[in-house]
Amino acid sequence: MAKLAFLGLGVMGYPMAGHLKAAGHEVTVFNRTPAKAEAWVAEHGGARADTPGEAAQGAEFVISCVGNDDDLRSVCLGEAGAFAGMAAGSVLVDHTTVSAKVTRELYAAAESDGIGFVDAPISGGQAGAENGALSVMCGGDAAVYDRAEPIIAAYARICRRIGDSGAGQMTKMCNQIAIAGLVQGLSEALHFAETAGLDGRAVVEVISQGAAGSWQMANRYETMLDDHFEHGFAVDWMRKDLDICLSTADETGASLPVTALVDQFYKDVQRMGGGRWDTSSLIKRLRAAG
């Protein structure tokens, strides 16, 4: 069992930190809103800290799951940041979906202090975090990853090193690119069924067993048909991720025409007041247009 720090107790981080405590690790948590950290300690035990650096003191592994590039820099760098409290030989595992650029920047900063750094973005949504069934895609040094993998296993269904620093983030971009097209396609199929007067549930029962089947179809079709979107991964977060994908594509020379189009569709959903709706709310845009 290890001494750990967990930074960021949002909808993903809160249950992930809980799985680590349940696995027997010694866990100290930090959250920008102290009340959330206090609630976590009241529920799970462990301890809370007032700064990332304080949480990281004496920790063998520091795990972060925050919002964006700037949030990640703020919890890692500076006098109160995690790196300031970490000893040489310790490891920071970052589960935030951020740009590969900031990942490589922080990898270099950590390396100069003798600290290991693994970029380890996650997929599986809130349900995956709560059930300990996340997909974790990692980048970083192989030896450092090998040390971190048993820790990550507390909340992972699969965890794999893809390559050097930044490879985890690049893989997460592939994940979001694939999801964007899938959700739009599912939205159009269900909308078509509705306008044709078909029973959407019967349609999905049949087509989900063939080549059209997907996680999105299996887990989102009922709430989409019921016009219920107050759950899951928010449109605002998806647009943040797709912006990273599209910016990186400009750098690498990749062509992402469908991703760019769906990103604009999500912009339309935001204009409808759906920034916090689940990403499957793309169908509401179609219904409104129809």
C-alpha atoms as a PDB file:
ATOM      1  CA  MET A   1       0.000   0.000   0.000  1.00  0.00           C
ATOM      2  CA  ALA A   2       1.224   3.504  -0.821  1.00  0.00           C
ATOM      3  CA  LYS A   3       0.997   7.037   0.513  1.00  0.00           C
ATOM      4  CA  LEU A   4      -0.936   9.048  -2.075  1.00  0.00           C
ATOM      5  CA  ALA A   5      -2.209  12.553  -2.764  1.00  0.00           C
ATOM      6  CA  PHE A   6      -5.256  13.162  -4.961  1.00  0.00           C
ATOM      7  CA  LEU A   7      -5.789  16.627  -6.451  1.00  0.00           C
ATOM      8  CA  GLY A   8      -9.242  17.477  -7.790  1.00  0.00           C
ATOM      9  CA  LEU A   9     -12.499  16.007  -6.492  1.00  0.00           C
ATOM     10  CA  GLY A  10     -14.928  16.634  -9.332  1.00  0.00           C
ATOM     11  CA  VAL A  11     -17.446  14.146 -10.680  1.00  0.00           C
ATOM     12  CA  MET A  12     -14.582  11.885 -11.775  1.00  0.00           C
ATOM     13  CA  GLY A  13     -11.948  12.532  -9.125  1.00  0.00           C
ATOM     14  CA  TYR A  14     -14.214  12.139  -6.097  1.00  0.00           C
ATOM     15  CA  PRO A  15     -15.066   8.461  -6.719  1.00  0.00           C
ATOM     16  CA  MET A  16     -11.591   7.665  -8.095  1.00  0.00           C
ATOM     17  CA  ALA A  17      -9.989   8.864  -4.864  1.00  0.00           C
ATOM     18  CA  GLY A  18     -12.544   6.784  -2.993  1.00  0.00           C
ATOM     19  CA  HIS A  19     -11.452   3.629  -4.833  1.00  0.00           C
ATOM     20  CA  LEU A  20      -7.848   4.308  -3.824  1.00  0.00           C
ATOM     21  CA  LYS A  21      -8.825   4.616  -0.164  1.00  0.00           C
ATOM     22  CA  ALA A  22     -10.946   1.460  -0.403  1.00  0.00           C
ATOM     23  CA  ALA A  23      -7.924  -0.362  -1.849  1.00  0.00           C
ATOM     24  CA  GLY A  24      -6.060   0.370   1.372  1.00  0.00           C
ATOM     25  CA  HIS A  25      -3.872   3.287   0.318  1.00  0.00           C
ATOM     26  CA  GLU A  26      -3.192   6.265   2.587  1.00  0.00           C
ATOM     27  CA  VAL A  27      -4.844   9.167   0.770  1.00  0.00           C
ATOM     28  CA  THR A  28      -4.633  12.928   1.301  1.00  0.00           C
ATOM     29  CA  VAL A  29      -6.926  15.015  -0.903  1.00  0.00           C
ATOM     30  CA  PHE A  30      -6.922  18.580  -2.167  1.00  0.00           C
ATOM     31  CA  ASN A  31      -9.744  20.445  -3.854  1.00  0.00           C
ATOM     32  CA  ARG A  32     -10.036  24.128  -4.722  1.00  0.00           C
ATOM     33  CA  THR A  33     -13.372  24.154  -2.901  1.00  0.00           C
ATOM     34  CA  PRO A  34     -12.432  22.952   0.605  1.00  0.00           C
ATOM     35  CA  ALA A  35     -15.982  21.840   1.397  1.00  0.00           C
ATOM     36  CA  LYS A  36     -15.724  19.105  -1.237  1.00  0.00           C
ATOM     37  CA  ALA A  37     -12.501  17.814   0.329  1.00  0.00           C
ATOM     38  CA  GLU A  38     -14.090  17.914   3.783  1.00  0.00           C
ATOM     39  CA  ALA A  39     -17.063  15.920   2.496  1.00  0.00           C
ATOM     40  CA  TRP A  40     -14.746  13.339   0.932  1.00  0.00           C
ATOM     41  CA  VAL A  41     -12.813  12.882   4.191  1.00  0.00           C
ATOM     42  CA  ALA A  42     -16.065  12.583   6.140  1.00  0.00           C
ATOM     43  CA  GLU A  43     -17.194   9.832   3.767  1.00  0.00           C
ATOM     44  CA  HIS A  44     -13.947   7.937   3.191  1.00  0.00           C
ATOM     45  CA  GLY A  45     -11.491   8.880   5.927  1.00  0.00           C
ATOM     46  CA  GLY A  46      -7.973   9.951   5.048  1.00  0.00           C
ATOM     47  CA  ALA A  47      -6.899  13.573   5.265  1.00  0.00           C
ATOM     48  CA  ARG A  48      -7.219  16.821   3.369  1.00  0.00           C
ATOM     49  CA  ALA A  49      -4.689  19.553   2.640  1.00  0.00           C
ATOM     50  CA  ASP A  50      -4.989  23.269   1.966  1.00  0.00           C
ATOM     51  CA  THR A  51      -2.613  23.320  -1.024  1.00  0.00           C
ATOM     52  CA  PRO A  52      -1.430  20.817  -3.640  1.00  0.00           C
ATOM     53  CA  GLY A  53       2.113  21.089  -2.275  1.00  0.00           C
ATOM     54  CA  GLU A  54       0.954  20.259   1.233  1.00  0.00           C
ATOM     55  CA  ALA A  55      -1.019  17.261  -0.025  1.00  0.00           C
ATOM     56  CA  ALA A  56       2.021  16.029  -1.967  1.00  0.00           C
ATOM     57  CA  GLN A  57       4.474  16.089   0.926  1.00  0.00           C
ATOM     58  CA  GLY A  58       5.712  12.571   1.582  1.00  0.00           C
ATOM     59  CA  ALA A  59       3.497  11.066  -1.136  1.00  0.00           C
ATOM     60  CA  GLU A  60       4.909   8.327  -3.328  1.00  0.00           C
ATOM     61  CA  PHE A  61       2.296   9.096  -5.982  1.00  0.00           C
ATOM     62  CA  VAL A  62       0.367  12.297  -6.629  1.00  0.00           C
ATOM     63  CA  ILE A  63      -2.721  11.944  -8.821  1.00  0.00           C
ATOM     64  CA  SER A  64      -4.421  14.909 -10.480  1.00  0.00           C
ATOM     65  CA  CYS A  65      -7.810  15.169 -12.170  1.00  0.00           C
ATOM     66  CA  VAL A  66      -8.653  18.839 -12.763  1.00  0.00           C
ATOM     67  CA  GLY A  67     -10.221  20.934 -15.529  1.00  0.00           C
ATOM     68  CA  ASN A  68      -7.867  22.200 -18.218  1.00  0.00           C
ATOM     69  CA  ASP A  69      -4.300  23.223 -19.081  1.00  0.00           C
ATOM     70  CA  ASP A  70      -4.275  26.239 -16.765  1.00  0.00           C
ATOM     71  CA  ASP A  71      -5.793  24.269 -13.884  1.00  0.00           C
ATOM     72  CA  LEU A  72      -3.154  21.581 -14.272  1.00  0.00           C
ATOM     73  CA  ARG A  73      -0.322  24.100 -14.325  1.00  0.00           C
ATOM     74  CA  SER A  74      -1.720  25.754 -11.195  1.00  0.00           C
ATOM     75  CA  VAL A  75      -1.798  22.538  -9.163  1.00  0.00           C
ATOM     76  CA  CYS A  76       1.649  21.403 -10.334  1.00  0.00           C
ATOM     77  CA  LEU A  77       3.773  24.556 -10.434  1.00  0.00           C
ATOM     78  CA  GLY A  78       4.653  27.384  -8.057  1.00  0.00           C
ATOM     79  CA  GLU A  79       5.504  27.528  -4.379  1.00  0.00           C
ATOM     80  CA  ALA A  80       2.220  25.865  -3.383  1.00  0.00           C
ATOM     81  CA  GLY A  81       2.166  23.428  -6.306  1.00  0.00           C
ATOM     82  CA  ALA A  82       2.530  19.679  -6.128  1.00  0.00           C
ATOM     83  CA  PHE A  83       6.061  19.606  -7.564  1.00  0.00           C
ATOM     84  CA  ALA A  84       7.257  21.804  -4.685  1.00  0.00           C
ATOM     85  CA  GLY A  85       6.077  19.220  -2.174  1.00  0.00           C
ATOM     86  CA  MET A  86       7.203  16.089  -4.029  1.00  0.00           C
ATOM     87  CA  ALA A  87      10.466  14.302  -3.375  1.00  0.00           C
ATOM     88  CA  ALA A  88      12.779  12.980  -6.059  1.00  0.00           C
ATOM     89  CA  GLY A  89      11.655   9.523  -7.097  1.00  0.00           C
ATOM     90  CA  SER A  90       7.959  10.201  -6.557  1.00  0.00           C
ATOM     91  CA  VAL A  91       5.478  10.124  -9.464  1.00  0.00           C
ATOM     92  CA  LEU A  92       2.689  12.418 -10.630  1.00  0.00           C
ATOM     93  CA  VAL A  93      -0.101  10.709 -12.578  1.00  0.00           C
ATOM     94  CA  ASP A  94      -2.337  13.176 -14.403  1.00  0.00           C
ATOM     95  CA  HIS A  95      -5.835  12.095 -15.436  1.00  0.00           C
ATOM     96  CA  THR A  96      -6.908  15.508 -16.770  1.00  0.00           C
ATOM     97  CA  THR A  97      -7.723  15.798 -20.471  1.00  0.00           C
ATOM     98  CA  VAL A  98      -5.309  18.532 -21.566  1.00  0.00           C
ATOM     99  CA  SER A  99      -3.114  19.384 -24.531  1.00  0.00           C
ATOM    100  CA  ALA A 100      -0.064  17.272 -25.278  1.00  0.00           C
ATOM    101  CA  LYS A 101       1.864  20.548 -25.171  1.00  0.00           C
ATOM    102  CA  VAL A 102       1.223  21.197 -21.474  1.00  0.00           C
ATOM    103  CA  THR A 103       1.814  17.523 -20.711  1.00  0.00           C
ATOM    104  CA  ARG A 104       5.281  17.647 -22.268  1.00  0.00           C
ATOM    105  CA  GLU A 105       5.988  20.958 -20.538  1.00  0.00           C
ATOM    106  CA  LEU A 106       5.162  19.485 -17.126  1.00  0.00           C
ATOM    107  CA  TYR A 107       6.968  16.240 -17.920  1.00  0.00           C
ATOM    108  CA  ALA A 108      10.145  18.261 -18.509  1.00  0.00           C
ATOM    109  CA  ALA A 109       9.630  20.299 -15.323  1.00  0.00           C
ATOM    110  CA  ALA A 110       9.081  17.139 -13.303  1.00  0.00           C
ATOM    111  CA  GLU A 111      12.087  15.402 -14.850  1.00  0.00           C
ATOM    112  CA  SER A 112      14.359  18.295 -13.869  1.00  0.00           C
ATOM    113  CA  ASP A 113      13.334  17.700 -10.233  1.00  0.00           C
ATOM    114  CA  GLY A 114      13.778  13.945 -10.438  1.00  0.00           C
ATOM    115  CA  ILE A 115      10.002  13.373 -10.437  1.00  0.00           C
ATOM    116  CA  GLY A 116       8.246  10.913 -12.736  1.00  0.00           C
ATOM    117  CA  PHE A 117       5.268  12.140 -14.782  1.00  0.00           C
ATOM    118  CA  VAL A 118       2.619  10.014 -16.507  1.00  0.00           C
ATOM    119  CA  ASP A 119      -0.113  11.547 -18.652  1.00  0.00           C
ATOM    120  CA  ALA A 120      -3.085   9.247 -18.133  1.00  0.00           C
ATOM    121  CA  PRO A 121      -6.364  10.676 -19.466  1.00  0.00           C
ATOM    122  CA  ILE A 122      -9.449   8.586 -18.852  1.00  0.00           C
ATOM    123  CA  SER A 123     -12.618   7.485 -20.629  1.00  0.00           C
ATOM    124  CA  GLY A 124     -15.751   5.908 -19.243  1.00  0.00           C
ATOM    125  CA  GLY A 125     -17.623   8.860 -17.778  1.00  0.00           C
ATOM    126  CA  GLN A 126     -18.964   9.337 -14.295  1.00  0.00           C
ATOM    127  CA  ALA A 127     -20.379   5.811 -14.220  1.00  0.00           C
ATOM    128  CA  GLY A 128     -16.971   4.382 -15.103  1.00  0.00           C
ATOM    129  CA  ALA A 129     -15.347   6.361 -12.303  1.00  0.00           C
ATOM    130  CA  GLU A 130     -17.960   5.291  -9.772  1.00  0.00           C
ATOM    131  CA  ASN A 131     -17.759   1.633 -10.810  1.00  0.00           C
ATOM    132  CA  GLY A 132     -13.961   1.524 -11.039  1.00  0.00           C
ATOM    133  CA  ALA A 133     -14.185   0.633 -14.730  1.00  0.00           C
ATOM    134  CA  LEU A 134     -12.317   3.404 -16.554  1.00  0.00           C
ATOM    135  CA  SER A 135     -10.177   3.096 -19.659  1.00  0.00           C
ATOM    136  CA  VAL A 136      -6.825   4.760 -18.984  1.00  0.00           C
ATOM    137  CA  MET A 137      -4.470   5.688 -21.835  1.00  0.00           C
ATOM    138  CA  CYS A 138      -0.947   6.595 -20.764  1.00  0.00           C
ATOM    139  CA  GLY A 139       2.201   8.312 -21.944  1.00  0.00           C
ATOM    140  CA  GLY A 140       5.564   8.570 -20.225  1.00  0.00           C
ATOM    141  CA  ASP A 141       8.670   6.600 -19.380  1.00  0.00           C
ATOM    142  CA  ALA A 142       8.076   2.836 -19.339  1.00  0.00           C
ATOM    143  CA  ALA A 143       9.710   2.290 -15.933  1.00  0.00           C
ATOM    144  CA  VAL A 144       7.673   5.064 -14.332  1.00  0.00           C
ATOM    145  CA  TYR A 145       4.469   3.750 -15.898  1.00  0.00           C
ATOM    146  CA  ASP A 146       5.187   0.263 -14.560  1.00  0.00           C
ATOM    147  CA  ARG A 147       5.352   1.701 -11.041  1.00  0.00           C
ATOM    148  CA  ALA A 148       2.110   3.658 -11.466  1.00  0.00           C
ATOM    149  CA  GLU A 149      -0.008   0.968 -13.108  1.00  0.00           C
ATOM    150  CA  PRO A 150      -0.838  -0.953  -9.885  1.00  0.00           C
ATOM    151  CA  ILE A 151      -2.098   2.301  -8.334  1.00  0.00           C
ATOM    152  CA  ILE A 152      -4.264   3.155 -11.346  1.00  0.00           C
ATOM    153  CA  ALA A 153      -5.690  -0.382 -11.275  1.00  0.00           C
ATOM    154  CA  ALA A 154      -7.933   0.636  -8.341  1.00  0.00           C
ATOM    155  CA  TYR A 155     -10.333   2.359 -10.776  1.00  0.00           C
ATOM    156  CA  ALA A 156      -9.370   1.018 -14.211  1.00  0.00           C
ATOM    157  CA  ARG A 157     -10.920  -1.639 -16.419  1.00  0.00           C
ATOM    158  CA  ILE A 158      -7.957  -1.306 -18.766  1.00  0.00           C
ATOM    159  CA  CYS A 159      -4.764   0.711 -18.428  1.00  0.00           C
ATOM    160  CA  ARG A 160      -2.132   0.779 -21.142  1.00  0.00           C
ATOM    161  CA  ARG A 161       1.016   2.745 -21.958  1.00  0.00           C
ATOM    162  CA  ILE A 162       0.780   3.957 -25.558  1.00  0.00           C
ATOM    163  CA  GLY A 163       4.168   5.653 -25.816  1.00  0.00           C
ATOM    164  CA  ASP A 164       6.316   8.508 -24.578  1.00  0.00           C
ATOM    165  CA  SER A 165       5.098  11.666 -22.847  1.00  0.00           C
ATOM    166  CA  GLY A 166       2.025  13.079 -24.585  1.00  0.00           C
ATOM    167  CA  ALA A 167       0.967   9.765 -26.135  1.00  0.00           C
ATOM    168  CA  GLY A 168      -1.806   9.332 -23.566  1.00  0.00           C
ATOM    169  CA  GLN A 169      -3.271  12.719 -24.405  1.00  0.00           C
ATOM    170  CA  MET A 170      -3.022  12.035 -28.132  1.00  0.00           C
ATOM    171  CA  THR A 171      -4.907   8.772 -27.595  1.00  0.00           C
ATOM    172  CA  LYS A 172      -7.613  10.573 -25.638  1.00  0.00           C
ATOM    173  CA  MET A 173      -8.002  12.887 -28.626  1.00  0.00           C
ATOM    174  CA  CYS A 174      -8.610   9.809 -30.802  1.00  0.00           C
ATOM    175  CA  ASN A 175     -11.266   8.762 -28.285  1.00  0.00           C
ATOM    176  CA  GLN A 176     -13.089  12.096 -28.446  1.00  0.00           C
ATOM    177  CA  ILE A 177     -12.857  12.271 -32.225  1.00  0.00           C
ATOM    178  CA  ALA A 178     -14.493   8.840 -32.484  1.00  0.00           C
ATOM    179  CA  ILE A 179     -17.207   9.720 -29.966  1.00  0.00           C
ATOM    180  CA  ALA A 180     -18.149  12.958 -31.745  1.00  0.00           C
ATOM    181  CA  GLY A 181     -19.020  11.174 -34.960  1.00  0.00           C
ATOM    182  CA  LEU A 182     -20.763   8.294 -33.174  1.00  0.00           C
ATOM    183  CA  VAL A 183     -23.056  10.543 -31.148  1.00  0.00           C
ATOM    184  CA  GLN A 184     -24.030  12.596 -34.196  1.00  0.00           C
ATOM    185  CA  GLY A 185     -24.760   9.435 -36.168  1.00  0.00           C
ATOM    186  CA  LEU A 186     -26.850   7.981 -33.326  1.00  0.00           C
ATOM    187  CA  SER A 187     -28.727  11.277 -32.965  1.00  0.00           C
ATOM    188  CA  GLU A 188     -29.563  11.316 -36.659  1.00  0.00           C
ATOM    189  CA  ALA A 189     -30.692   7.674 -36.618  1.00  0.00           C
ATOM    190  CA  LEU A 190     -33.029   8.179 -33.652  1.00  0.00           C
ATOM    191  CA  HIS A 191     -34.338  11.453 -35.084  1.00  0.00           C
ATOM    192  CA  PHE A 192     -35.000   9.732 -38.404  1.00  0.00           C
ATOM    193  CA  ALA A 193     -36.884   6.949 -36.603  1.00  0.00           C
ATOM    194  CA  GLU A 194     -39.028   9.516 -34.782  1.00  0.00           C
ATOM    195  CA  THR A 195     -39.920  11.438 -37.940  1.00  0.00           C
ATOM    196  CA  ALA A 196     -40.745   8.167 -39.727  1.00  0.00           C
ATOM    197  CA  GLY A 197     -43.158   7.184 -36.975  1.00  0.00           C
ATOM    198  CA  LEU A 198     -41.100   4.184 -35.821  1.00  0.00           C
ATOM    199  CA  ASP A 199     -40.786   2.850 -32.276  1.00  0.00           C
ATOM    200  CA  GLY A 200     -37.273   4.013 -31.375  1.00  0.00           C
ATOM    201  CA  ARG A 201     -36.776   1.328 -28.741  1.00  0.00           C
ATOM    202  CA  ALA A 202     -37.733  -1.429 -31.148  1.00  0.00           C
ATOM    203  CA  VAL A 203     -35.412   0.026 -33.761  1.00  0.00           C
ATOM    204  CA  VAL A 204     -32.464   0.075 -31.360  1.00  0.00           C
ATOM    205  CA  GLU A 205     -33.236  -3.435 -30.108  1.00  0.00           C
ATOM    206  CA  VAL A 206     -32.662  -4.689 -33.632  1.00  0.00           C
ATOM    207  CA  ILE A 207     -29.870  -2.488 -34.994  1.00  0.00           C
ATOM    208  CA  SER A 208     -27.803  -2.575 -31.783  1.00  0.00           C
ATOM    209  CA  GLN A 209     -27.214  -6.294 -32.360  1.00  0.00           C
ATOM    210  CA  GLY A 210     -25.634  -5.644 -35.752  1.00  0.00           C
ATOM    211  CA  ALA A 211     -22.871  -3.470 -37.147  1.00  0.00           C
ATOM    212  CA  ALA A 212     -24.464  -0.250 -35.828  1.00  0.00           C
ATOM    213  CA  GLY A 213     -24.035  -1.255 -32.186  1.00  0.00           C
ATOM    214  CA  SER A 214     -21.839   0.905 -29.924  1.00  0.00           C
ATOM    215  CA  TRP A 215     -21.345   1.933 -26.289  1.00  0.00           C
ATOM    216  CA  GLN A 216     -23.126   5.189 -27.043  1.00  0.00           C
ATOM    217  CA  MET A 217     -26.140   3.342 -28.434  1.00  0.00           C
ATOM    218  CA  ALA A 218     -26.298   0.868 -25.552  1.00  0.00           C
ATOM    219  CA  ASN A 219     -25.946   3.494 -22.816  1.00  0.00           C
ATOM    220  CA  ARG A 220     -27.600   6.603 -24.227  1.00  0.00           C
ATOM    221  CA  TYR A 221     -30.461   5.678 -26.561  1.00  0.00           C
ATOM    222  CA  GLU A 222     -33.151   5.481 -23.860  1.00  0.00           C
ATOM    223  CA  THR A 223     -32.334   8.860 -22.317  1.00  0.00           C
ATOM    224  CA  MET A 224     -32.110  10.369 -25.797  1.00  0.00           C
ATOM    225  CA  LEU A 225     -35.560   9.046 -26.682  1.00  0.00           C
ATOM    226  CA  ASP A 226     -36.874  10.341 -23.339  1.00  0.00           C
ATOM    227  CA  ASP A 227     -35.302  13.788 -23.946  1.00  0.00           C
ATOM    228  CA  HIS A 228     -33.323  13.505 -20.704  1.00  0.00           C
ATOM    229  CA  PHE A 229     -29.800  14.954 -20.656  1.00  0.00           C
ATOM    230  CA  GLU A 230     -29.076  15.937 -17.059  1.00  0.00           C
ATOM    231  CA  HIS A 231     -26.286  13.386 -16.632  1.00  0.00           C
ATOM    232  CA  GLY A 232     -22.992  12.244 -18.076  1.00  0.00           C
ATOM    233  CA  PHE A 233     -20.243  14.176 -19.846  1.00  0.00           C
ATOM    234  CA  ALA A 234     -21.223  17.804 -20.416  1.00  0.00           C
ATOM    235  CA  VAL A 235     -21.251  19.595 -23.762  1.00  0.00           C
ATOM    236  CA  ASP A 236     -18.997  22.349 -22.347  1.00  0.00           C
ATOM    237  CA  TRP A 237     -16.356  19.755 -21.497  1.00  0.00           C
ATOM    238  CA  MET A 238     -16.680  18.079 -24.879  1.00  0.00           C
ATOM    239  CA  ARG A 239     -16.142  21.373 -26.688  1.00  0.00           C
ATOM    240  CA  LYS A 240     -13.010  21.948 -24.586  1.00  0.00           C
ATOM    241  CA  ASP A 241     -11.730  18.533 -25.641  1.00  0.00           C
ATOM    242  CA  LEU A 242     -12.647  18.971 -29.300  1.00  0.00           C
ATOM    243  CA  ASP A 243     -10.851  22.317 -29.354  1.00  0.00           C
ATOM    244  CA  ILE A 244      -7.707  20.467 -28.236  1.00  0.00           C
ATOM    245  CA  CYS A 245      -8.276  17.869 -30.976  1.00  0.00           C
ATOM    246  CA  LEU A 246      -8.749  20.436 -33.717  1.00  0.00           C
ATOM    247  CA  SER A 247      -5.803  22.585 -32.598  1.00  0.00           C
ATOM    248  CA  THR A 248      -3.547  19.538 -32.495  1.00  0.00           C
ATOM    249  CA  ALA A 249      -4.778  18.425 -35.921  1.00  0.00           C
ATOM    250  CA  ASP A 250      -3.635  21.769 -37.305  1.00  0.00           C
ATOM    251  CA  GLU A 251      -0.171  21.034 -35.904  1.00  0.00           C
ATOM    252  CA  THR A 252       0.042  17.433 -37.117  1.00  0.00           C
ATOM    253  CA  GLY A 253      -1.649  17.948 -40.489  1.00  0.00           C
ATOM    254  CA  ALA A 254      -4.564  15.618 -39.763  1.00  0.00           C
ATOM    255  CA  SER A 255      -7.894  16.269 -41.502  1.00  0.00           C
ATOM    256  CA  LEU A 256     -10.906  16.173 -39.161  1.00  0.00           C
ATOM    257  CA  PRO A 257     -13.887  17.419 -41.172  1.00  0.00           C
ATOM    258  CA  VAL A 258     -16.582  15.525 -39.236  1.00  0.00           C
ATOM    259  CA  THR A 259     -15.084  16.497 -35.874  1.00  0.00           C
ATOM    260  CA  ALA A 260     -15.015  20.165 -36.882  1.00  0.00           C
ATOM    261  CA  LEU A 261     -18.649  19.983 -38.002  1.00  0.00           C
ATOM    262  CA  VAL A 262     -19.860  18.246 -34.835  1.00  0.00           C
ATOM    263  CA  ASP A 263     -17.967  20.796 -32.747  1.00  0.00           C
ATOM    264  CA  GLN A 264     -20.111  23.484 -34.363  1.00  0.00           C
ATOM    265  CA  PHE A 265     -23.224  21.432 -33.672  1.00  0.00           C
ATOM    266  CA  TYR A 266     -22.241  21.373 -29.992  1.00  0.00           C
ATOM    267  CA  LYS A 267     -21.854  25.148 -30.208  1.00  0.00           C
ATOM    268  CA  ASP A 268     -25.484  25.269 -31.334  1.00  0.00           C
ATOM    269  CA  VAL A 269     -26.463  23.189 -28.292  1.00  0.00           C
ATOM    270  CA  GLN A 270     -24.639  25.641 -26.038  1.00  0.00           C
ATOM    271  CA  ARG A 271     -26.644  28.473 -27.623  1.00  0.00           C
ATOM    272  CA  MET A 272     -29.788  26.510 -26.747  1.00  0.00           C
ATOM    273  CA  GLY A 273     -28.712  26.649 -23.100  1.00  0.00           C
ATOM    274  CA  GLY A 274     -27.343  23.110 -23.091  1.00  0.00           C
ATOM    275  CA  GLY A 275     -23.758  23.648 -22.026  1.00  0.00           C
ATOM    276  CA  ARG A 276     -24.246  21.306 -19.059  1.00  0.00           C
ATOM    277  CA  TRP A 277     -26.386  18.795 -20.920  1.00  0.00           C
ATOM    278  CA  ASP A 278     -24.925  15.389 -21.704  1.00  0.00           C
ATOM    279  CA  THR A 279     -23.145  15.114 -25.063  1.00  0.00           C
ATOM    280  CA  SER A 280     -25.992  12.975 -26.429  1.00  0.00           C
ATOM    281  CA  SER A 281     -28.093  16.168 -26.453  1.00  0.00           C
ATOM    282  CA  LEU A 282     -27.065  16.627 -30.091  1.00  0.00           C
ATOM    283  CA  ILE A 283     -30.458  15.116 -30.883  1.00  0.00           C
ATOM    284  CA  LYS A 284     -32.190  18.163 -29.331  1.00  0.00           C
ATOM    285  CA  ARG A 285     -30.593  20.307 -32.019  1.00  0.00           C
ATOM    286  CA  LEU A 286     -32.124  18.056 -34.706  1.00  0.00           C
ATOM    287  CA  ARG A 287     -35.533  18.107 -33.047  1.00  0.00           C
ATOM    288  CA  ALA A 288     -35.424  21.894 -32.806  1.00  0.00           C
ATOM    289  CA  ALA A 289     -34.503  22.200 -36.471  1.00  0.00           C
ATOM    290  CA  GLY A 290     -37.233  19.767 -37.488  1.00  0.00           C
END
